[in-house]
Amino acid sequence: MPLIPEYGFLRLPQILGDAKADPPVPPVIPVCKSTWWAGVRAGRYPKPVKLSSRVTVWRASDIRKLIEQAEG
């Protein structure tokens, strides 16, 4: 399993990767942003948590569970 904290939150670039970052962040879930948001709306991916009007995060535990379901 990729290095995902047991507790805490992840922002979208930490989940989908960020090739422009220095150093580049590899994707945990290799889909594009529009596919991710369509999956959130459809219920395939976990719902986000709004920390403020401009900050959206996902629970690390929800992302770990999603990966475990895909592997199992």
N, C-alpha and C. Protein backbone atom coordinates (compact mmCIF):
# COMPACT_ATOMS: atom_id res chain seq x y z
N MET A 1 0.85 -1.17 0.00
CA MET A 1 0.00 0.00 0.00
C MET A 1 0.90 1.24 0.00
N PRO A 2 0.52 2.25 -0.76
CA PRO A 2 1.31 3.49 -0.76
C PRO A 2 1.38 4.08 0.64
N LEU A 3 2.30 4.99 0.84
CA LEU A 3 2.48 5.61 2.15
C LEU A 3 1.36 6.59 2.44
N ILE A 4 0.35 6.12 3.11
CA ILE A 4 -0.80 6.94 3.51
C ILE A 4 -0.85 6.89 5.02
N PRO A 5 -0.96 8.04 5.66
CA PRO A 5 -1.01 8.02 7.12
C PRO A 5 -2.24 7.26 7.62
N GLU A 6 -2.13 6.70 8.79
CA GLU A 6 -3.24 5.97 9.38
C GLU A 6 -4.39 6.92 9.73
N TYR A 7 -4.04 8.09 10.21
CA TYR A 7 -5.03 9.09 10.60
C TYR A 7 -4.70 10.40 9.90
N GLY A 8 -5.67 11.29 9.84
CA GLY A 8 -5.43 12.60 9.25
C GLY A 8 -6.19 12.78 7.96
N PHE A 9 -5.75 13.75 7.20
CA PHE A 9 -6.43 14.12 5.96
C PHE A 9 -5.46 14.17 4.81
N LEU A 10 -5.99 13.98 3.59
CA LEU A 10 -5.22 14.10 2.36
C LEU A 10 -5.91 15.09 1.44
N ARG A 11 -5.12 15.91 0.78
CA ARG A 11 -5.67 16.81 -0.23
C ARG A 11 -5.61 16.11 -1.57
N LEU A 12 -6.31 16.64 -2.55
CA LEU A 12 -6.43 15.97 -3.85
C LEU A 12 -5.09 15.69 -4.53
N PRO A 13 -4.13 16.63 -4.54
CA PRO A 13 -2.84 16.29 -5.18
C PRO A 13 -2.11 15.13 -4.51
N GLN A 14 -2.36 14.90 -3.23
CA GLN A 14 -1.74 13.77 -2.54
C GLN A 14 -2.39 12.46 -2.96
N ILE A 15 -3.62 12.52 -3.41
CA ILE A 15 -4.34 11.31 -3.84
C ILE A 15 -4.09 11.04 -5.32
N LEU A 16 -4.24 12.08 -6.15
CA LEU A 16 -4.13 11.92 -7.61
C LEU A 16 -2.73 12.14 -8.14
N GLY A 17 -1.83 12.61 -7.28
CA GLY A 17 -0.46 12.86 -7.70
C GLY A 17 -0.30 14.28 -8.23
N ASP A 18 0.94 14.73 -8.26
CA ASP A 18 1.26 16.07 -8.76
C ASP A 18 2.63 16.00 -9.41
N ALA A 19 2.65 15.88 -10.75
CA ALA A 19 3.90 15.76 -11.49
C ALA A 19 4.70 17.05 -11.47
N LYS A 20 4.04 18.19 -11.23
CA LYS A 20 4.72 19.49 -11.25
C LYS A 20 5.38 19.85 -9.92
N ALA A 21 5.09 19.09 -8.88
CA ALA A 21 5.68 19.36 -7.57
C ALA A 21 7.17 19.02 -7.59
N ASP A 22 7.90 19.57 -6.64
CA ASP A 22 9.32 19.26 -6.54
C ASP A 22 9.62 18.73 -5.15
N PRO A 23 9.80 17.46 -4.96
CA PRO A 23 9.81 16.38 -5.95
C PRO A 23 8.40 15.98 -6.35
N PRO A 24 8.25 15.36 -7.52
CA PRO A 24 6.91 14.95 -7.98
C PRO A 24 6.23 14.00 -6.99
N VAL A 25 4.92 14.15 -6.88
CA VAL A 25 4.13 13.30 -5.98
C VAL A 25 3.46 12.22 -6.83
N PRO A 26 3.78 10.95 -6.61
CA PRO A 26 3.15 9.89 -7.41
C PRO A 26 1.68 9.71 -7.02
N PRO A 27 0.85 9.30 -7.97
CA PRO A 27 -0.58 9.11 -7.65
C PRO A 27 -0.82 7.88 -6.80
N VAL A 28 -1.75 7.99 -5.87
CA VAL A 28 -2.21 6.85 -5.09
C VAL A 28 -3.36 6.20 -5.86
N ILE A 29 -4.24 7.03 -6.40
CA ILE A 29 -5.35 6.60 -7.25
C ILE A 29 -5.09 7.24 -8.61
N PRO A 30 -4.68 6.47 -9.63
CA PRO A 30 -4.28 7.06 -10.92
C PRO A 30 -5.48 7.37 -11.84
N VAL A 31 -6.22 8.42 -11.49
CA VAL A 31 -7.30 8.90 -12.35
C VAL A 31 -7.16 10.41 -12.46
N CYS A 32 -7.80 11.01 -13.47
CA CYS A 32 -7.74 12.46 -13.61
C CYS A 32 -8.74 13.11 -12.65
N LYS A 33 -8.60 14.41 -12.48
CA LYS A 33 -9.41 15.14 -11.51
C LYS A 33 -10.90 15.05 -11.83
N SER A 34 -11.27 15.17 -13.11
CA SER A 34 -12.70 15.11 -13.47
C SER A 34 -13.28 13.72 -13.21
N THR A 35 -12.49 12.68 -13.45
CA THR A 35 -12.95 11.32 -13.16
C THR A 35 -13.13 11.13 -11.65
N TRP A 36 -12.21 11.69 -10.87
CA TRP A 36 -12.31 11.59 -9.41
C TRP A 36 -13.60 12.24 -8.93
N TRP A 37 -13.87 13.48 -9.37
CA TRP A 37 -15.06 14.18 -8.90
C TRP A 37 -16.34 13.50 -9.38
N ALA A 38 -16.33 12.93 -10.59
CA ALA A 38 -17.49 12.17 -11.06
C ALA A 38 -17.70 10.95 -10.18
N GLY A 39 -16.61 10.30 -9.77
CA GLY A 39 -16.70 9.15 -8.88
C GLY A 39 -17.21 9.53 -7.49
N VAL A 40 -16.83 10.70 -7.01
CA VAL A 40 -17.33 11.18 -5.72
C VAL A 40 -18.84 11.39 -5.81
N ARG A 41 -19.28 12.05 -6.89
CA ARG A 41 -20.73 12.29 -7.06
C ARG A 41 -21.51 10.99 -7.19
N ALA A 42 -20.90 9.99 -7.86
CA ALA A 42 -21.58 8.70 -8.07
C ALA A 42 -21.49 7.78 -6.86
N GLY A 43 -20.64 8.12 -5.89
CA GLY A 43 -20.50 7.29 -4.70
C GLY A 43 -19.41 6.23 -4.81
N ARG A 44 -18.63 6.22 -5.89
CA ARG A 44 -17.53 5.25 -6.04
C ARG A 44 -16.34 5.62 -5.16
N TYR A 45 -16.15 6.92 -4.93
CA TYR A 45 -15.05 7.41 -4.12
C TYR A 45 -15.62 8.09 -2.88
N PRO A 46 -14.84 8.19 -1.81
CA PRO A 46 -15.35 8.77 -0.56
C PRO A 46 -15.71 10.24 -0.69
N LYS A 47 -16.63 10.66 0.16
CA LYS A 47 -17.04 12.06 0.20
C LYS A 47 -15.95 12.90 0.86
N PRO A 48 -15.77 14.13 0.38
CA PRO A 48 -14.75 14.99 0.97
C PRO A 48 -15.25 15.67 2.25
N VAL A 49 -14.30 16.27 2.95
CA VAL A 49 -14.59 17.07 4.14
C VAL A 49 -14.13 18.49 3.81
N LYS A 50 -14.99 19.48 4.00
CA LYS A 50 -14.62 20.87 3.77
C LYS A 50 -14.06 21.45 5.06
N LEU A 51 -12.79 21.82 5.05
CA LEU A 51 -12.18 22.45 6.22
C LEU A 51 -12.42 23.96 6.21
N SER A 52 -12.54 24.53 5.02
CA SER A 52 -12.87 25.94 4.85
C SER A 52 -13.44 26.10 3.45
N SER A 53 -13.76 27.32 3.07
CA SER A 53 -14.37 27.53 1.75
C SER A 53 -13.43 27.14 0.61
N ARG A 54 -12.11 27.15 0.87
CA ARG A 54 -11.15 26.84 -0.18
C ARG A 54 -10.33 25.58 0.07
N VAL A 55 -10.60 24.87 1.14
CA VAL A 55 -9.81 23.68 1.48
C VAL A 55 -10.73 22.47 1.59
N THR A 56 -10.51 21.51 0.68
CA THR A 56 -11.26 20.26 0.66
C THR A 56 -10.28 19.13 0.89
N VAL A 57 -10.61 18.22 1.78
CA VAL A 57 -9.73 17.09 2.11
C VAL A 57 -10.55 15.81 2.18
N TRP A 58 -9.83 14.69 2.21
CA TRP A 58 -10.44 13.38 2.40
C TRP A 58 -9.77 12.73 3.59
N ARG A 59 -10.54 11.98 4.35
CA ARG A 59 -9.98 11.25 5.49
C ARG A 59 -9.02 10.18 4.96
N ALA A 60 -7.84 10.12 5.55
CA ALA A 60 -6.85 9.12 5.14
C ALA A 60 -7.42 7.72 5.32
N SER A 61 -8.20 7.50 6.36
CA SER A 61 -8.79 6.18 6.59
C SER A 61 -9.74 5.78 5.47
N ASP A 62 -10.48 6.75 4.91
CA ASP A 62 -11.39 6.45 3.80
C ASP A 62 -10.61 6.07 2.54
N ILE A 63 -9.48 6.75 2.30
CA ILE A 63 -8.66 6.43 1.12
C ILE A 63 -8.01 5.07 1.30
N ARG A 64 -7.53 4.76 2.50
CA ARG A 64 -6.95 3.44 2.77
C ARG A 64 -7.99 2.34 2.53
N LYS A 65 -9.21 2.57 2.99
CA LYS A 65 -10.29 1.59 2.81
C LYS A 65 -10.60 1.40 1.32
N LEU A 66 -10.61 2.49 0.55
CA LEU A 66 -10.86 2.41 -0.89
C LEU A 66 -9.80 1.56 -1.58
N ILE A 67 -8.53 1.76 -1.21
CA ILE A 67 -7.44 0.99 -1.81
C ILE A 67 -7.53 -0.48 -1.41
N GLU A 68 -7.84 -0.75 -0.15
CA GLU A 68 -7.96 -2.14 0.31
C GLU A 68 -9.10 -2.85 -0.42
N GLN A 69 -10.21 -2.17 -0.69
CA GLN A 69 -11.33 -2.77 -1.41
C GLN A 69 -10.93 -3.08 -2.84
N ALA A 70 -10.15 -2.19 -3.46
CA ALA A 70 -9.72 -2.40 -4.85
C ALA A 70 -8.72 -3.55 -4.96
N GLU A 71 -7.88 -3.72 -3.94
CA GLU A 71 -6.89 -4.79 -3.95
C GLU A 71 -7.50 -6.14 -3.60
N GLY A 72 -8.51 -6.12 -2.77
CA GLY A 72 -9.09 -7.36 -2.26
C GLY A 72 -10.16 -7.87 -3.10
